[in-house]
PDB file of N, CA and C in Angstrom:
ATOM      1  N   UNK A   1     -16.153 -18.943  14.711  1.00  0.00           N
ATOM      2  CA  UNK A   1     -15.639 -18.288  13.519  1.00  0.00           C
ATOM      3  C   UNK A   1     -16.561 -18.632  12.345  1.00  0.00           C
ATOM      4  N   UNK A   2     -16.922 -17.625  11.579  1.00  0.00           N
ATOM      5  CA  UNK A   2     -17.802 -17.813  10.426  1.00  0.00           C
ATOM      6  C   UNK A   2     -16.959 -18.111   9.197  1.00  0.00           C
ATOM      7  N   UNK A   3     -17.348 -19.125   8.428  1.00  0.00           N
ATOM      8  CA  UNK A   3     -16.629 -19.464   7.199  1.00  0.00           C
ATOM      9  C   UNK A   3     -17.409 -18.908   6.016  1.00  0.00           C
ATOM     10  N   UNK A   4     -16.728 -18.085   5.222  1.00  0.00           N
ATOM     11  CA  UNK A   4     -17.311 -17.474   4.038  1.00  0.00           C
ATOM     12  C   UNK A   4     -16.530 -17.911   2.811  1.00  0.00           C
ATOM     13  N   UNK A   5     -17.171 -17.878   1.666  1.00  0.00           N
ATOM     14  CA  UNK A   5     -16.515 -18.245   0.416  1.00  0.00           C
ATOM     15  C   UNK A   5     -16.094 -16.977  -0.311  1.00  0.00           C
ATOM     16  N   UNK A   6     -14.896 -16.988  -0.881  1.00  0.00           N
ATOM     17  CA  UNK A   6     -14.397 -15.839  -1.626  1.00  0.00           C
ATOM     18  C   UNK A   6     -13.930 -16.292  -3.001  1.00  0.00           C
ATOM     19  N   UNK A   7     -14.190 -15.457  -3.999  1.00  0.00           N
ATOM     20  CA  UNK A   7     -13.741 -15.728  -5.353  1.00  0.00           C
ATOM     21  C   UNK A   7     -13.230 -14.420  -5.946  1.00  0.00           C
ATOM     22  N   UNK A   8     -12.338 -14.539  -6.886  1.00  0.00           N
ATOM     23  CA  UNK A   8     -11.788 -13.377  -7.596  1.00  0.00           C
ATOM     24  C   UNK A   8     -12.268 -13.463  -9.034  1.00  0.00           C
ATOM     25  N   UNK A   9     -12.884 -12.383  -9.498  1.00  0.00           N
ATOM     26  CA  UNK A   9     -13.479 -12.363 -10.828  1.00  0.00           C
ATOM     27  C   UNK A   9     -12.828 -11.248 -11.634  1.00  0.00           C
ATOM     28  N   UNK A  10     -12.304 -11.591 -12.796  1.00  0.00           N
ATOM     29  CA  UNK A  10     -11.717 -10.602 -13.675  1.00  0.00           C
ATOM     30  C   UNK A  10     -12.835  -9.868 -14.409  1.00  0.00           C
ATOM     31  N   UNK A  11     -12.807  -8.529 -14.322  1.00  0.00           N
ATOM     32  CA  UNK A  11     -13.802  -7.696 -15.008  1.00  0.00           C
ATOM     33  C   UNK A  11     -13.061  -6.665 -15.858  1.00  0.00           C
ATOM     34  N   UNK A  12     -13.754  -5.993 -16.744  1.00  0.00           N
ATOM     35  CA  UNK A  12     -13.101  -4.961 -17.556  1.00  0.00           C
ATOM     36  C   UNK A  12     -12.568  -3.780 -16.736  1.00  0.00           C
ATOM     37  N   UNK A  13     -13.035  -3.615 -15.511  1.00  0.00           N
ATOM     38  CA  UNK A  13     -12.581  -2.488 -14.695  1.00  0.00           C
ATOM     39  C   UNK A  13     -11.703  -2.930 -13.528  1.00  0.00           C
ATOM     40  N   UNK A  14     -11.214  -4.150 -13.588  1.00  0.00           N
ATOM     41  CA  UNK A  14     -10.322  -4.663 -12.554  1.00  0.00           C
ATOM     42  C   UNK A  14     -10.858  -5.932 -11.923  1.00  0.00           C
ATOM     43  N   UNK A  15     -10.036  -6.519 -11.090  1.00  0.00           N
ATOM     44  CA  UNK A  15     -10.414  -7.755 -10.419  1.00  0.00           C
ATOM     45  C   UNK A  15     -11.402  -7.454  -9.288  1.00  0.00           C
ATOM     46  N   UNK A  16     -12.501  -8.196  -9.268  1.00  0.00           N
ATOM     47  CA  UNK A  16     -13.499  -8.045  -8.216  1.00  0.00           C
ATOM     48  C   UNK A  16     -13.359  -9.200  -7.239  1.00  0.00           C
ATOM     49  N   UNK A  17     -13.527  -8.891  -5.976  1.00  0.00           N
ATOM     50  CA  UNK A  17     -13.535  -9.903  -4.925  1.00  0.00           C
ATOM     51  C   UNK A  17     -14.978 -10.060  -4.486  1.00  0.00           C
ATOM     52  N   UNK A  18     -15.517 -11.264  -4.625  1.00  0.00           N
ATOM     53  CA  UNK A  18     -16.886 -11.478  -4.179  1.00  0.00           C
ATOM     54  C   UNK A  18     -16.889 -12.479  -3.046  1.00  0.00           C
ATOM     55  N   UNK A  19     -17.712 -12.211  -2.058  1.00  0.00           N
ATOM     56  CA  UNK A  19     -17.786 -13.048  -0.865  1.00  0.00           C
ATOM     57  C   UNK A  19     -19.219 -13.540  -0.718  1.00  0.00           C
ATOM     58  N   UNK A  20     -19.369 -14.848  -0.541  1.00  0.00           N
ATOM     59  CA  UNK A  20     -20.687 -15.464  -0.400  1.00  0.00           C
ATOM     60  C   UNK A  20     -20.837 -16.078   0.983  1.00  0.00           C
ATOM     61  N   UNK A  21     -22.063 -16.013   1.473  1.00  0.00           N
ATOM     62  CA  UNK A  21     -22.395 -16.578   2.778  1.00  0.00           C
ATOM     63  C   UNK A  21     -23.740 -17.292   2.659  1.00  0.00           C
ATOM     64  N   UNK A  22     -23.714 -18.600   2.746  1.00  0.00           N
ATOM     65  CA  UNK A  22     -24.956 -19.363   2.750  1.00  0.00           C
ATOM     66  C   UNK A  22     -25.845 -19.135   1.543  1.00  0.00           C
ATOM     67  N   UNK A  23     -25.270 -19.045   0.375  1.00  0.00           N
ATOM     68  CA  UNK A  23     -26.064 -18.870  -0.831  1.00  0.00           C
ATOM     69  C   UNK A  23     -26.427 -17.429  -1.135  1.00  0.00           C
ATOM     70  N   UNK A  24     -25.844 -16.485  -0.405  1.00  0.00           N
ATOM     71  CA  UNK A  24     -26.101 -15.061  -0.647  1.00  0.00           C
ATOM     72  C   UNK A  24     -24.785 -14.345  -0.881  1.00  0.00           C
ATOM     73  N   UNK A  25     -24.817 -13.369  -1.769  1.00  0.00           N
ATOM     74  CA  UNK A  25     -23.653 -12.517  -1.965  1.00  0.00           C
ATOM     75  C   UNK A  25     -23.640 -11.513  -0.830  1.00  0.00           C
ATOM     76  N   UNK A  26     -22.591 -11.512  -0.034  1.00  0.00           N
ATOM     77  CA  UNK A  26     -22.569 -10.597   1.112  1.00  0.00           C
ATOM     78  C   UNK A  26     -21.552  -9.478   0.957  1.00  0.00           C
ATOM     79  N   UNK A  27     -20.686  -9.554  -0.054  1.00  0.00           N
ATOM     80  CA  UNK A  27     -19.729  -8.470  -0.282  1.00  0.00           C
ATOM     81  C   UNK A  27     -19.197  -8.550  -1.704  1.00  0.00           C
ATOM     82  N   UNK A  28     -18.952  -7.380  -2.261  1.00  0.00           N
ATOM     83  CA  UNK A  28     -18.323  -7.268  -3.572  1.00  0.00           C
ATOM     84  C   UNK A  28     -17.452  -6.022  -3.528  1.00  0.00           C
ATOM     85  N   UNK A  29     -16.168  -6.205  -3.654  1.00  0.00           N
ATOM     86  CA  UNK A  29     -15.201  -5.103  -3.629  1.00  0.00           C
ATOM     87  C   UNK A  29     -14.245  -5.301  -4.792  1.00  0.00           C
ATOM     88  N   UNK A  30     -13.603  -4.234  -5.183  1.00  0.00           N
ATOM     89  CA  UNK A  30     -12.618  -4.332  -6.243  1.00  0.00           C
ATOM     90  C   UNK A  30     -11.213  -4.376  -5.677  1.00  0.00           C
ATOM     91  N   UNK A  31     -10.322  -4.916  -6.470  1.00  0.00           N
ATOM     92  CA  UNK A  31      -8.910  -5.053  -6.130  1.00  0.00           C
ATOM     93  C   UNK A  31      -8.405  -3.740  -5.543  1.00  0.00           C
ATOM     94  N   UNK A  32      -7.631  -3.846  -4.494  1.00  0.00           N
ATOM     95  CA  UNK A  32      -7.117  -2.665  -3.827  1.00  0.00           C
ATOM     96  C   UNK A  32      -7.946  -2.266  -2.618  1.00  0.00           C
ATOM     97  N   UNK A  33      -9.089  -2.917  -2.430  1.00  0.00           N
ATOM     98  CA  UNK A  33      -9.983  -2.599  -1.310  1.00  0.00           C
ATOM     99  C   UNK A  33     -10.043  -3.732  -0.297  1.00  0.00           C
ATOM    100  N   UNK A  34      -9.002  -4.562  -0.267  1.00  0.00           N
ATOM    101  CA  UNK A  34      -9.011  -5.729   0.608  1.00  0.00           C
ATOM    102  C   UNK A  34      -9.136  -5.353   2.083  1.00  0.00           C
ATOM    103  N   UNK A  35      -8.477  -4.266   2.491  1.00  0.00           N
ATOM    104  CA  UNK A  35      -8.564  -3.853   3.894  1.00  0.00           C
ATOM    105  C   UNK A  35      -9.987  -3.419   4.244  1.00  0.00           C
ATOM    106  N   UNK A  36     -10.620  -2.661   3.363  1.00  0.00           N
ATOM    107  CA  UNK A  36     -12.007  -2.247   3.588  1.00  0.00           C
ATOM    108  C   UNK A  36     -12.921  -3.470   3.641  1.00  0.00           C
ATOM    109  N   UNK A  37     -12.686  -4.437   2.765  1.00  0.00           N
ATOM    110  CA  UNK A  37     -13.481  -5.666   2.759  1.00  0.00           C
ATOM    111  C   UNK A  37     -13.324  -6.399   4.084  1.00  0.00           C
ATOM    112  N   UNK A  38     -12.095  -6.533   4.558  1.00  0.00           N
ATOM    113  CA  UNK A  38     -11.839  -7.230   5.819  1.00  0.00           C
ATOM    114  C   UNK A  38     -12.527  -6.516   6.988  1.00  0.00           C
ATOM    115  N   UNK A  39     -12.449  -5.185   7.024  1.00  0.00           N
ATOM    116  CA  UNK A  39     -13.112  -4.424   8.099  1.00  0.00           C
ATOM    117  C   UNK A  39     -14.624  -4.598   8.048  1.00  0.00           C
ATOM    118  N   UNK A  40     -15.173  -4.532   6.861  1.00  0.00           N
ATOM    119  CA  UNK A  40     -16.619  -4.674   6.691  1.00  0.00           C
ATOM    120  C   UNK A  40     -17.102  -6.057   7.138  1.00  0.00           C
ATOM    121  N   UNK A  41     -16.382  -7.090   6.740  1.00  0.00           N
ATOM    122  CA  UNK A  41     -16.766  -8.448   7.137  1.00  0.00           C
ATOM    123  C   UNK A  41     -16.622  -8.636   8.639  1.00  0.00           C
ATOM    124  N   UNK A  42     -15.566  -8.067   9.232  1.00  0.00           N
ATOM    125  CA  UNK A  42     -15.368  -8.184  10.679  1.00  0.00           C
ATOM    126  C   UNK A  42     -16.488  -7.484  11.444  1.00  0.00           C
ATOM    127  N   UNK A  43     -16.915  -6.334  10.965  1.00  0.00           N
ATOM    128  CA  UNK A  43     -18.019  -5.622  11.628  1.00  0.00           C
ATOM    129  C   UNK A  43     -19.318  -6.417  11.557  1.00  0.00           C
ATOM    130  N   UNK A  44     -19.539  -7.058  10.441  1.00  0.00           N
ATOM    131  CA  UNK A  44     -20.799  -7.794  10.245  1.00  0.00           C
ATOM    132  C   UNK A  44     -20.793  -9.170  10.901  1.00  0.00           C
ATOM    133  N   UNK A  45     -19.665  -9.881  10.809  1.00  0.00           N
ATOM    134  CA  UNK A  45     -19.618 -11.274  11.229  1.00  0.00           C
ATOM    135  C   UNK A  45     -18.700 -11.559  12.413  1.00  0.00           C
ATOM    136  N   UNK A  46     -17.859 -10.632  12.781  1.00  0.00           N
ATOM    137  CA  UNK A  46     -16.827 -10.946  13.768  1.00  0.00           C
ATOM    138  C   UNK A  46     -15.669 -11.615  13.054  1.00  0.00           C
ATOM    139  N   UNK A  47     -15.104 -12.605  13.677  1.00  0.00           N
ATOM    140  CA  UNK A  47     -13.959 -13.304  13.081  1.00  0.00           C
ATOM    141  C   UNK A  47     -14.453 -14.214  11.954  1.00  0.00           C
ATOM    142  N   UNK A  48     -13.802 -14.122  10.784  1.00  0.00           N
ATOM    143  CA  UNK A  48     -14.192 -14.926   9.631  1.00  0.00           C
ATOM    144  C   UNK A  48     -13.005 -15.685   9.066  1.00  0.00           C
ATOM    145  N   UNK A  49     -13.336 -16.751   8.401  1.00  0.00           N
ATOM    146  CA  UNK A  49     -12.362 -17.509   7.605  1.00  0.00           C
ATOM    147  C   UNK A  49     -12.841 -17.429   6.176  1.00  0.00           C
ATOM    148  N   UNK A  50     -11.968 -16.994   5.266  1.00  0.00           N
ATOM    149  CA  UNK A  50     -12.320 -16.890   3.860  1.00  0.00           C
ATOM    150  C   UNK A  50     -11.782 -18.099   3.119  1.00  0.00           C
ATOM    151  N   UNK A  51     -12.677 -18.885   2.554  1.00  0.00           N
ATOM    152  CA  UNK A  51     -12.305 -20.089   1.812  1.00  0.00           C
ATOM    153  C   UNK A  51     -12.351 -19.787   0.316  1.00  0.00           C
ATOM    154  N   UNK A  52     -11.194 -19.879  -0.338  1.00  0.00           N
ATOM    155  CA  UNK A  52     -11.148 -19.669  -1.784  1.00  0.00           C
ATOM    156  C   UNK A  52     -12.059 -20.698  -2.453  1.00  0.00           C
ATOM    157  N   UNK A  53     -13.002 -20.213  -3.227  1.00  0.00           N
ATOM    158  CA  UNK A  53     -13.985 -21.067  -3.883  1.00  0.00           C
ATOM    159  C   UNK A  53     -14.176 -20.580  -5.306  1.00  0.00           C
ATOM    160  N   UNK A  54     -14.174 -21.492  -6.244  1.00  0.00           N
ATOM    161  CA  UNK A  54     -14.397 -21.126  -7.632  1.00  0.00           C
ATOM    162  C   UNK A  54     -15.893 -20.994  -7.900  1.00  0.00           C
ATOM    163  N   UNK A  55     -16.312 -19.803  -8.247  1.00  0.00           N
ATOM    164  CA  UNK A  55     -17.692 -19.504  -8.631  1.00  0.00           C
ATOM    165  C   UNK A  55     -18.737 -19.960  -7.603  1.00  0.00           C
ATOM    166  N   UNK A  56     -18.636 -19.474  -6.360  1.00  0.00           N
ATOM    167  CA  UNK A  56     -19.616 -19.887  -5.348  1.00  0.00           C
ATOM    168  C   UNK A  56     -21.036 -19.508  -5.755  1.00  0.00           C
ATOM    169  N   UNK A  57     -21.920 -20.474  -5.740  1.00  0.00           N
ATOM    170  CA  UNK A  57     -23.347 -20.285  -6.027  1.00  0.00           C
ATOM    171  C   UNK A  57     -23.603 -19.696  -7.408  1.00  0.00           C
ATOM    172  N   UNK A  58     -22.638 -19.759  -8.302  1.00  0.00           N
ATOM    173  CA  UNK A  58     -22.797 -19.199  -9.643  1.00  0.00           C
ATOM    174  C   UNK A  58     -22.679 -17.680  -9.693  1.00  0.00           C
ATOM    175  N   UNK A  59     -22.296 -17.060  -8.579  1.00  0.00           N
ATOM    176  CA  UNK A  59     -22.207 -15.598  -8.528  1.00  0.00           C
ATOM    177  C   UNK A  59     -21.121 -15.053  -9.451  1.00  0.00           C
ATOM    178  N   UNK A  60     -19.997 -15.743  -9.516  1.00  0.00           N
ATOM    179  CA  UNK A  60     -18.920 -15.299 -10.401  1.00  0.00           C
ATOM    180  C   UNK A  60     -19.362 -15.298 -11.848  1.00  0.00           C
ATOM    181  N   UNK A  61     -20.068 -16.340 -12.250  1.00  0.00           N
ATOM    182  CA  UNK A  61     -20.572 -16.417 -13.620  1.00  0.00           C
ATOM    183  C   UNK A  61     -21.558 -15.291 -13.906  1.00  0.00           C
ATOM    184  N   UNK A  62     -22.393 -14.972 -12.933  1.00  0.00           N
ATOM    185  CA  UNK A  62     -23.364 -13.892 -13.104  1.00  0.00           C
ATOM    186  C   UNK A  62     -22.668 -12.545 -13.248  1.00  0.00           C
ATOM    187  N   UNK A  63     -21.628 -12.311 -12.464  1.00  0.00           N
ATOM    188  CA  UNK A  63     -20.880 -11.054 -12.545  1.00  0.00           C
ATOM    189  C   UNK A  63     -20.175 -10.957 -13.894  1.00  0.00           C
ATOM    190  N   UNK A  64     -19.586 -12.068 -14.347  1.00  0.00           N
ATOM    191  CA  UNK A  64     -18.921 -12.072 -15.657  1.00  0.00           C
ATOM    192  C   UNK A  64     -19.932 -11.774 -16.767  1.00  0.00           C
ATOM    193  N   UNK A  65     -21.100 -12.398 -16.701  1.00  0.00           N
ATOM    194  CA  UNK A  65     -22.139 -12.167 -17.706  1.00  0.00           C
ATOM    195  C   UNK A  65     -22.585 -10.703 -17.695  1.00  0.00           C
ATOM    196  N   UNK A  66     -22.720 -10.130 -16.521  1.00  0.00           N
ATOM    197  CA  UNK A  66     -23.104  -8.719 -16.398  1.00  0.00           C
ATOM    198  C   UNK A  66     -22.096  -7.829 -17.131  1.00  0.00           C
ATOM    199  N   UNK A  67     -20.827  -8.043 -16.870  1.00  0.00           N
ATOM    200  CA  UNK A  67     -19.805  -7.220 -17.507  1.00  0.00           C
ATOM    201  C   UNK A  67     -19.661  -7.535 -18.993  1.00  0.00           C
ATOM    202  N   UNK A  68     -20.208  -8.656 -19.451  1.00  0.00           N
ATOM    203  CA  UNK A  68     -20.213  -8.988 -20.872  1.00  0.00           C
ATOM    204  C   UNK A  68     -21.431  -8.380 -21.577  1.00  0.00           C
ATOM    205  N   UNK A  69     -22.251  -7.656 -20.819  1.00  0.00           N
ATOM    206  CA  UNK A  69     -23.388  -6.973 -21.433  1.00  0.00           C
ATOM    207  C   UNK A  69     -24.755  -7.520 -21.070  1.00  0.00           C
ATOM    208  N   UNK A  70     -24.805  -8.628 -20.368  1.00  0.00           N
ATOM    209  CA  UNK A  70     -26.088  -9.203 -19.946  1.00  0.00           C
ATOM    210  C   UNK A  70     -26.492  -8.568 -18.608  1.00  0.00           C
ATOM    211  N   UNK A  71     -27.038  -7.379 -18.683  1.00  0.00           N
ATOM    212  CA  UNK A  71     -27.279  -6.589 -17.481  1.00  0.00           C
ATOM    213  C   UNK A  71     -28.254  -7.234 -16.506  1.00  0.00           C
ATOM    214  N   UNK A  72     -29.133  -8.071 -16.963  1.00  0.00           N
ATOM    215  CA  UNK A  72     -30.099  -8.727 -16.078  1.00  0.00           C
ATOM    216  C   UNK A  72     -29.511  -9.967 -15.393  1.00  0.00           C
ATOM    217  N   UNK A  73     -28.275 -10.322 -15.729  1.00  0.00           N
ATOM    218  CA  UNK A  73     -27.647 -11.524 -15.167  1.00  0.00           C
ATOM    219  C   UNK A  73     -27.524 -11.467 -13.661  1.00  0.00           C
ATOM    220  N   UNK A  74     -27.450 -10.278 -13.092  1.00  0.00           N
ATOM    221  CA  UNK A  74     -27.280 -10.154 -11.648  1.00  0.00           C
ATOM    222  C   UNK A  74     -28.603  -9.978 -10.908  1.00  0.00           C
ATOM    223  N   UNK A  75     -29.698  -9.939 -11.638  1.00  0.00           N
ATOM    224  CA  UNK A  75     -31.013  -9.708 -10.998  1.00  0.00           C
ATOM    225  C   UNK A  75     -31.410 -10.789 -10.001  1.00  0.00           C
ATOM    226  N   UNK A  76     -30.908 -11.988 -10.165  1.00  0.00           N
ATOM    227  CA  UNK A  76     -31.321 -13.089  -9.294  1.00  0.00           C
ATOM    228  C   UNK A  76     -30.354 -13.346  -8.143  1.00  0.00           C
ATOM    229  N   UNK A  77     -29.304 -12.533  -8.028  1.00  0.00           N
ATOM    230  CA  UNK A  77     -28.342 -12.724  -6.939  1.00  0.00           C
ATOM    231  C   UNK A  77     -28.958 -12.219  -5.641  1.00  0.00           C
ATOM    232  N   UNK A  78     -29.103 -13.127  -4.660  1.00  0.00           N
ATOM    233  CA  UNK A  78     -29.656 -12.667  -3.369  1.00  0.00           C
ATOM    234  C   UNK A  78     -28.614 -11.923  -2.548  1.00  0.00           C
TER     235      UNK A  78
END
């Protein structure tokens, strides 16, 4: 079973769910798309465990900065 990190980020257009794997952002979906997110992760990884993590790898902070107007904040997200 693959363990992935998940965080919920409040944005001006709704809550975003971001999933990180080994220092990389591997999924970003918005609230209401949890089933699609689960299917996508299952297709890519098989069985996964999602570990609630606050700001994994700084990705949450980068997404927040992007929505605050710092458009280049997400340029370094792998």
